[in-house]
Each structure stands twice: as structure tokens, then as C-alpha cells.
Amino acid sequence: MAMSRDTLLGYLTDAFPEAEITLTDLAGDDNHWQAEIVSPQFAGLPRVKQHQMVYSALKGAMGGELHALALKTKAPSS
């Protein structure tokens, strides 16, 4: 089972409501995504912590409904 763009965007928007989120379907199969997330919630946090926050927002779907997710995360520039 794959994860639709709308479902993935919903998880991410719920967790990061002020973020700029860009999703790219890397394989055209709703199963291999890239997410670019620019969120003030990431300010001052190391990239590993930022990625952990994203995985947490997916509520266990990573590795099941969502097979692969490439992440690019950062805080907005001042």
C-alpha cells in the first residue's frame, strides 16, 4: 500500500503548520517521496533531531504505508 500526496502532506502540515513543504514523488508510485520542509520549529536543532520530528509526525507509517522518504529540513533564514 502506498501513501498518497494528500495523506503525506496532511501528516506534515498537522505537525508543522507554519512550514513551507514541497513534496516530490521520486518514482511516480506514491511510495518513494522526497520532502523539503522549512519550519521555524527546526530553529537551533541539529538535522538528526529535525528528521526525528518528521518521522514522529508520520505516526508509524514509515516503513509500512510509506516505503521511502528522503528529507531536506531546515529553519527559515532570518
C-alpha atoms as a PDB file:
ATOM      1  CA  MET A   1       0.000   0.000   0.000  1.00  0.00           C
ATOM      2  CA  ALA A   2       1.363   3.394  -0.955  1.00  0.00           C
ATOM      3  CA  MET A   3       0.822   6.792   0.655  1.00  0.00           C
ATOM      4  CA  SER A   4      -0.870   9.492  -1.398  1.00  0.00           C
ATOM      5  CA  ARG A   5       0.498  13.019  -1.634  1.00  0.00           C
ATOM      6  CA  ASP A   6      -2.574  14.318   0.231  1.00  0.00           C
ATOM      7  CA  THR A   7      -2.089  11.893   3.125  1.00  0.00           C
ATOM      8  CA  LEU A   8       1.617  12.649   3.451  1.00  0.00           C
ATOM      9  CA  LEU A   9       1.028  16.382   3.197  1.00  0.00           C
ATOM     10  CA  GLY A  10      -1.699  16.104   5.834  1.00  0.00           C
ATOM     11  CA  TYR A  11       0.645  14.439   8.342  1.00  0.00           C
ATOM     12  CA  LEU A  12       3.339  17.018   7.718  1.00  0.00           C
ATOM     13  CA  THR A  13       1.014  20.027   7.765  1.00  0.00           C
ATOM     14  CA  ASP A  14      -0.561  18.881  11.033  1.00  0.00           C
ATOM     15  CA  ALA A  15       2.872  18.634  12.668  1.00  0.00           C
ATOM     16  CA  PHE A  16       4.412  21.699  11.022  1.00  0.00           C
ATOM     17  CA  PRO A  17       1.560  24.148  10.360  1.00  0.00           C
ATOM     18  CA  GLU A  18       3.827  27.138   9.651  1.00  0.00           C
ATOM     19  CA  ALA A  19       6.195  25.229   7.368  1.00  0.00           C
ATOM     20  CA  GLU A  20       6.838  25.530   3.671  1.00  0.00           C
ATOM     21  CA  ILE A  21       6.543  21.933   2.441  1.00  0.00           C
ATOM     22  CA  THR A  22       7.477  20.668  -1.013  1.00  0.00           C
ATOM     23  CA  LEU A  23       6.787  17.033  -1.890  1.00  0.00           C
ATOM     24  CA  THR A  24       8.291  15.194  -4.852  1.00  0.00           C
ATOM     25  CA  ASP A  25       7.209  11.704  -5.890  1.00  0.00           C
ATOM     26  CA  LEU A  26      10.617  10.308  -6.850  1.00  0.00           C
ATOM     27  CA  ALA A  27       9.424   7.144  -8.601  1.00  0.00           C
ATOM     28  CA  GLY A  28       5.866   8.010  -9.643  1.00  0.00           C
ATOM     29  CA  ASP A  29       4.480   5.304  -7.374  1.00  0.00           C
ATOM     30  CA  ASP A  30       3.335   7.187  -4.226  1.00  0.00           C
ATOM     31  CA  ASN A  31       5.883   5.076  -2.360  1.00  0.00           C
ATOM     32  CA  HIS A  32       9.189   6.933  -2.721  1.00  0.00           C
ATOM     33  CA  TRP A  33       8.931  10.558  -1.643  1.00  0.00           C
ATOM     34  CA  GLN A  34      11.207  13.494  -1.061  1.00  0.00           C
ATOM     35  CA  ALA A  35      10.045  16.149   1.383  1.00  0.00           C
ATOM     36  CA  GLU A  36      11.630  19.564   1.681  1.00  0.00           C
ATOM     37  CA  ILE A  37      10.434  21.216   4.879  1.00  0.00           C
ATOM     38  CA  VAL A  38      11.351  24.718   6.024  1.00  0.00           C
ATOM     39  CA  SER A  39       9.927  25.231   9.511  1.00  0.00           C
ATOM     40  CA  PRO A  40      10.570  27.621  12.372  1.00  0.00           C
ATOM     41  CA  GLN A  41      10.217  24.572  14.644  1.00  0.00           C
ATOM     42  CA  PHE A  42      13.638  23.424  13.380  1.00  0.00           C
ATOM     43  CA  ALA A  43      15.465  26.561  14.560  1.00  0.00           C
ATOM     44  CA  GLY A  44      18.525  25.700  16.618  1.00  0.00           C
ATOM     45  CA  LEU A  45      18.058  21.943  16.251  1.00  0.00           C
ATOM     46  CA  PRO A  46      20.554  19.557  14.673  1.00  0.00           C
ATOM     47  CA  ARG A  47      19.460  17.866  11.461  1.00  0.00           C
ATOM     48  CA  VAL A  48      19.092  14.479  13.190  1.00  0.00           C
ATOM     49  CA  LYS A  49      16.562  15.956  15.625  1.00  0.00           C
ATOM     50  CA  GLN A  50      14.725  17.669  12.751  1.00  0.00           C
ATOM     51  CA  HIS A  51      14.414  14.350  10.926  1.00  0.00           C
ATOM     52  CA  GLN A  52      13.261  12.581  14.091  1.00  0.00           C
ATOM     53  CA  MET A  53      10.497  15.180  14.394  1.00  0.00           C
ATOM     54  CA  VAL A  54       9.372  14.443  10.832  1.00  0.00           C
ATOM     55  CA  TYR A  55       9.379  10.662  11.376  1.00  0.00           C
ATOM     56  CA  SER A  56       7.373  11.164  14.567  1.00  0.00           C
ATOM     57  CA  ALA A  57       4.810  13.206  12.621  1.00  0.00           C
ATOM     58  CA  LEU A  58       4.243  10.205  10.320  1.00  0.00           C
ATOM     59  CA  LYS A  59       2.732   8.235  13.223  1.00  0.00           C
ATOM     60  CA  GLY A  60       4.303   4.895  12.386  1.00  0.00           C
ATOM     61  CA  ALA A  61       3.614   4.962   8.636  1.00  0.00           C
ATOM     62  CA  MET A  62       7.327   4.997   7.748  1.00  0.00           C
ATOM     63  CA  GLY A  63       8.423   1.550   6.617  1.00  0.00           C
ATOM     64  CA  GLY A  64       4.843   0.404   6.143  1.00  0.00           C
ATOM     65  CA  GLU A  65       2.451   2.556   4.155  1.00  0.00           C
ATOM     66  CA  LEU A  66       5.386   4.828   3.275  1.00  0.00           C
ATOM     67  CA  HIS A  67       8.377   2.901   1.955  1.00  0.00           C
ATOM     68  CA  ALA A  68      10.982   5.651   1.431  1.00  0.00           C
ATOM     69  CA  LEU A  69      11.253   9.310   2.370  1.00  0.00           C
ATOM     70  CA  ALA A  70      14.229  11.486   1.512  1.00  0.00           C
ATOM     71  CA  LEU A  71      14.309  14.537   3.775  1.00  0.00           C
ATOM     72  CA  LYS A  72      15.657  18.040   3.398  1.00  0.00           C
ATOM     73  CA  THR A  73      14.880  20.065   6.500  1.00  0.00           C
ATOM     74  CA  LYS A  74      15.916  23.476   7.755  1.00  0.00           C
ATOM     75  CA  ALA A  75      14.759  26.530   9.652  1.00  0.00           C
ATOM     76  CA  PRO A  76      13.839  29.648   7.693  1.00  0.00           C
ATOM     77  CA  SER A  77      16.616  32.160   7.068  1.00  0.00           C
ATOM     78  CA  SER A  78      16.391  35.294   9.171  1.00  0.00           C
END
